[in-house]
Each structure stands twice: as structure tokens, then as C-alpha cells.
Amino acid sequence: MSRTDDDIDDKSDDRRGGKGGRGGGGGGGLNRRKVCRFCAEATTLIDYKNPQLLRSFVTDRGKMVPRRISGSCARHQRAISTAVRRARMLALLPITVGGE
């Protein structure tokens, strides 16, 4: 079966852009700005002696969650990272999570 020039042009359009594939775009919703929970709630304190609070800022692999994921402001992110480091020194939080 022979292919015509029109068939080849149609195929190349699919590869260059348009919908589908790995191209970007197609976002399905509004990107809401995350609000720092410590700025919104002034009663919550960042303390290295509170590992339950700090666990939400550490991944299951033991890495600290970045600001763009956690939604905290720069000042509170610095306080979180300091508290996580202090909690790791006292073995309240794991430094790394070991595999089997």
C-alpha cells in the first residue's frame, strides 16, 4: 500500500504539537495560591519538640518538603527546616529511612 503526501503531512502534524503526546497545557483547573498555615493560624508554633507537626514537612523518604509543595512562606520555611534539623539531632525524626 502506498502512502500519499497528504498522509505524511497529517502524521507530521500530530508529532509537532496539537493535543496529546507530552506537550504541556491542558490544565484542568485553577491554580490556587497555597496559604502558609502558620501565618493563617497564629496559635500554631513551630517547635522541634513536636515531631507530629514536623512529619508533615518530611517525605516518606526522609527529605524536607520544599516551599512550593508545603505552601509555607519563606520565614516559616526557614523555621521548619531549623526545627527538622534539630529534631533529627535528637532522634525525634529520622535522618534517612532505611530500606530492607
C-alpha atoms as a PDB file:
ATOM      1  CA  MET A   1       0.000   0.000   0.000  1.00  0.00           C
ATOM      2  CA  SER A   2       1.491   3.342  -0.965  1.00  0.00           C
ATOM      3  CA  ARG A   3       1.255   6.483   1.114  1.00  0.00           C
ATOM      4  CA  THR A   4       0.451   9.830  -0.377  1.00  0.00           C
ATOM      5  CA  ASP A   5       1.961  13.169   0.544  1.00  0.00           C
ATOM      6  CA  ASP A   6      -1.293  14.098   2.294  1.00  0.00           C
ATOM      7  CA  ASP A   7      -0.986  11.094   4.608  1.00  0.00           C
ATOM      8  CA  ILE A   8       2.572  12.035   5.507  1.00  0.00           C
ATOM      9  CA  ASP A   9       1.586  15.650   6.242  1.00  0.00           C
ATOM     10  CA  ASP A  10      -1.260  14.510   8.503  1.00  0.00           C
ATOM     11  CA  LYS A  11       1.089  12.315  10.512  1.00  0.00           C
ATOM     12  CA  SER A  12       3.700  15.033  10.920  1.00  0.00           C
ATOM     13  CA  ASP A  13       1.107  17.468  12.291  1.00  0.00           C
ATOM     14  CA  ASP A  14       0.372  15.020  15.098  1.00  0.00           C
ATOM     15  CA  ARG A  15       4.025  14.899  16.085  1.00  0.00           C
ATOM     16  CA  ARG A  16       4.646  18.642  16.079  1.00  0.00           C
ATOM     17  CA  GLY A  17       2.089  19.866  18.539  1.00  0.00           C
ATOM     18  CA  GLY A  18      -1.606  19.883  18.913  1.00  0.00           C
ATOM     19  CA  LYS A  19      -3.326  17.792  21.532  1.00  0.00           C
ATOM     20  CA  GLY A  20      -1.956  14.620  23.011  1.00  0.00           C
ATOM     21  CA  GLY A  21       1.551  13.403  23.499  1.00  0.00           C
ATOM     22  CA  ARG A  22       3.847  15.022  26.003  1.00  0.00           C
ATOM     23  CA  GLY A  23       3.027  18.612  25.212  1.00  0.00           C
ATOM     24  CA  GLY A  24       2.173  20.957  28.028  1.00  0.00           C
ATOM     25  CA  GLY A  25      -1.029  22.806  28.569  1.00  0.00           C
ATOM     26  CA  GLY A  26      -4.435  21.364  29.003  1.00  0.00           C
ATOM     27  CA  GLY A  27      -4.583  22.382  32.666  1.00  0.00           C
ATOM     28  CA  GLY A  28      -7.910  21.390  34.075  1.00  0.00           C
ATOM     29  CA  GLY A  29      -8.349  23.851  36.882  1.00  0.00           C
ATOM     30  CA  LEU A  30      -7.403  26.946  38.723  1.00  0.00           C
ATOM     31  CA  ASN A  31      -4.038  27.007  40.443  1.00  0.00           C
ATOM     32  CA  ARG A  32      -4.885  28.395  43.852  1.00  0.00           C
ATOM     33  CA  ARG A  33      -2.125  30.032  45.826  1.00  0.00           C
ATOM     34  CA  LYS A  34      -1.300  27.998  48.904  1.00  0.00           C
ATOM     35  CA  VAL A  35      -1.571  29.884  52.162  1.00  0.00           C
ATOM     36  CA  CYS A  36       1.007  29.471  54.885  1.00  0.00           C
ATOM     37  CA  ARG A  37      -0.721  27.629  57.700  1.00  0.00           C
ATOM     38  CA  PHE A  38       1.454  29.322  60.313  1.00  0.00           C
ATOM     39  CA  CYS A  39       0.595  32.817  59.066  1.00  0.00           C
ATOM     40  CA  ALA A  40      -3.107  31.966  58.886  1.00  0.00           C
ATOM     41  CA  GLU A  41      -3.160  30.352  62.329  1.00  0.00           C
ATOM     42  CA  ALA A  42      -1.070  32.399  64.734  1.00  0.00           C
ATOM     43  CA  THR A  43      -1.557  29.857  67.543  1.00  0.00           C
ATOM     44  CA  THR A  44       0.459  27.105  65.825  1.00  0.00           C
ATOM     45  CA  LEU A  45       4.110  27.214  66.861  1.00  0.00           C
ATOM     46  CA  ILE A  46       6.995  25.574  65.055  1.00  0.00           C
ATOM     47  CA  ASP A  47       8.928  23.613  67.639  1.00  0.00           C
ATOM     48  CA  TYR A  48      11.495  20.856  67.274  1.00  0.00           C
ATOM     49  CA  LYS A  49       9.877  19.041  70.213  1.00  0.00           C
ATOM     50  CA  ASN A  50       6.692  18.484  68.200  1.00  0.00           C
ATOM     51  CA  PRO A  51       7.540  15.669  65.752  1.00  0.00           C
ATOM     52  CA  GLN A  52       3.884  15.124  64.754  1.00  0.00           C
ATOM     53  CA  LEU A  53       3.770  18.599  63.241  1.00  0.00           C
ATOM     54  CA  LEU A  54       7.175  18.255  61.614  1.00  0.00           C
ATOM     55  CA  ARG A  55       6.357  14.892  59.995  1.00  0.00           C
ATOM     56  CA  SER A  56       4.017  16.657  57.585  1.00  0.00           C
ATOM     57  CA  PHE A  57       7.039  18.595  56.276  1.00  0.00           C
ATOM     58  CA  VAL A  58       9.201  15.496  55.736  1.00  0.00           C
ATOM     59  CA  THR A  59       8.579  12.990  52.942  1.00  0.00           C
ATOM     60  CA  ASP A  60       8.354   9.249  53.483  1.00  0.00           C
ATOM     61  CA  ARG A  61      11.958   9.049  52.232  1.00  0.00           C
ATOM     62  CA  GLY A  62      13.156  11.484  54.902  1.00  0.00           C
ATOM     63  CA  LYS A  63      13.591  14.572  52.711  1.00  0.00           C
ATOM     64  CA  MET A  64      12.310  18.009  53.654  1.00  0.00           C
ATOM     65  CA  VAL A  65       9.313  19.184  51.641  1.00  0.00           C
ATOM     66  CA  PRO A  66      10.057  22.358  49.621  1.00  0.00           C
ATOM     67  CA  ARG A  67       8.140  25.606  49.953  1.00  0.00           C
ATOM     68  CA  ARG A  68       6.306  25.249  46.666  1.00  0.00           C
ATOM     69  CA  ILE A  69       4.832  21.955  47.866  1.00  0.00           C
ATOM     70  CA  SER A  70       4.175  22.772  51.528  1.00  0.00           C
ATOM     71  CA  GLY A  71       2.801  26.245  50.833  1.00  0.00           C
ATOM     72  CA  SER A  72       4.580  27.893  53.736  1.00  0.00           C
ATOM     73  CA  CYS A  73       6.118  31.347  53.483  1.00  0.00           C
ATOM     74  CA  ALA A  74       9.885  31.909  53.421  1.00  0.00           C
ATOM     75  CA  ARG A  75      10.158  32.877  57.091  1.00  0.00           C
ATOM     76  CA  HIS A  76       8.248  29.845  58.315  1.00  0.00           C
ATOM     77  CA  GLN A  77      10.014  27.501  55.891  1.00  0.00           C
ATOM     78  CA  ARG A  78      13.335  28.536  57.414  1.00  0.00           C
ATOM     79  CA  ALA A  79      11.923  27.878  60.886  1.00  0.00           C
ATOM     80  CA  ILE A  80      10.593  24.486  59.760  1.00  0.00           C
ATOM     81  CA  SER A  81      13.944  23.438  58.320  1.00  0.00           C
ATOM     82  CA  THR A  82      15.743  24.501  61.505  1.00  0.00           C
ATOM     83  CA  ALA A  83      13.238  22.593  63.640  1.00  0.00           C
ATOM     84  CA  VAL A  84      13.544  19.480  61.454  1.00  0.00           C
ATOM     85  CA  ARG A  85      17.334  19.590  61.707  1.00  0.00           C
ATOM     86  CA  ARG A  86      17.172  19.936  65.496  1.00  0.00           C
ATOM     87  CA  ALA A  87      14.643  17.117  65.775  1.00  0.00           C
ATOM     88  CA  ARG A  88      16.932  14.904  63.704  1.00  0.00           C
ATOM     89  CA  MET A  89      19.842  15.654  66.020  1.00  0.00           C
ATOM     90  CA  LEU A  90      17.793  14.454  68.993  1.00  0.00           C
ATOM     91  CA  ALA A  91      16.486  11.432  67.026  1.00  0.00           C
ATOM     92  CA  LEU A  92      12.880  12.639  67.162  1.00  0.00           C
ATOM     93  CA  LEU A  93      12.786  12.428  63.365  1.00  0.00           C
ATOM     94  CA  PRO A  94      14.692  10.006  61.150  1.00  0.00           C
ATOM     95  CA  ILE A  95      17.613  11.356  59.160  1.00  0.00           C
ATOM     96  CA  THR A  96      17.017   8.820  56.398  1.00  0.00           C
ATOM     97  CA  VAL A  97      14.607   5.977  56.024  1.00  0.00           C
ATOM     98  CA  GLY A  98      16.466   2.697  55.613  1.00  0.00           C
ATOM     99  CA  GLY A  99      15.348   0.044  53.185  1.00  0.00           C
ATOM    100  CA  GLU A 100      15.149  -3.658  53.732  1.00  0.00           C
END
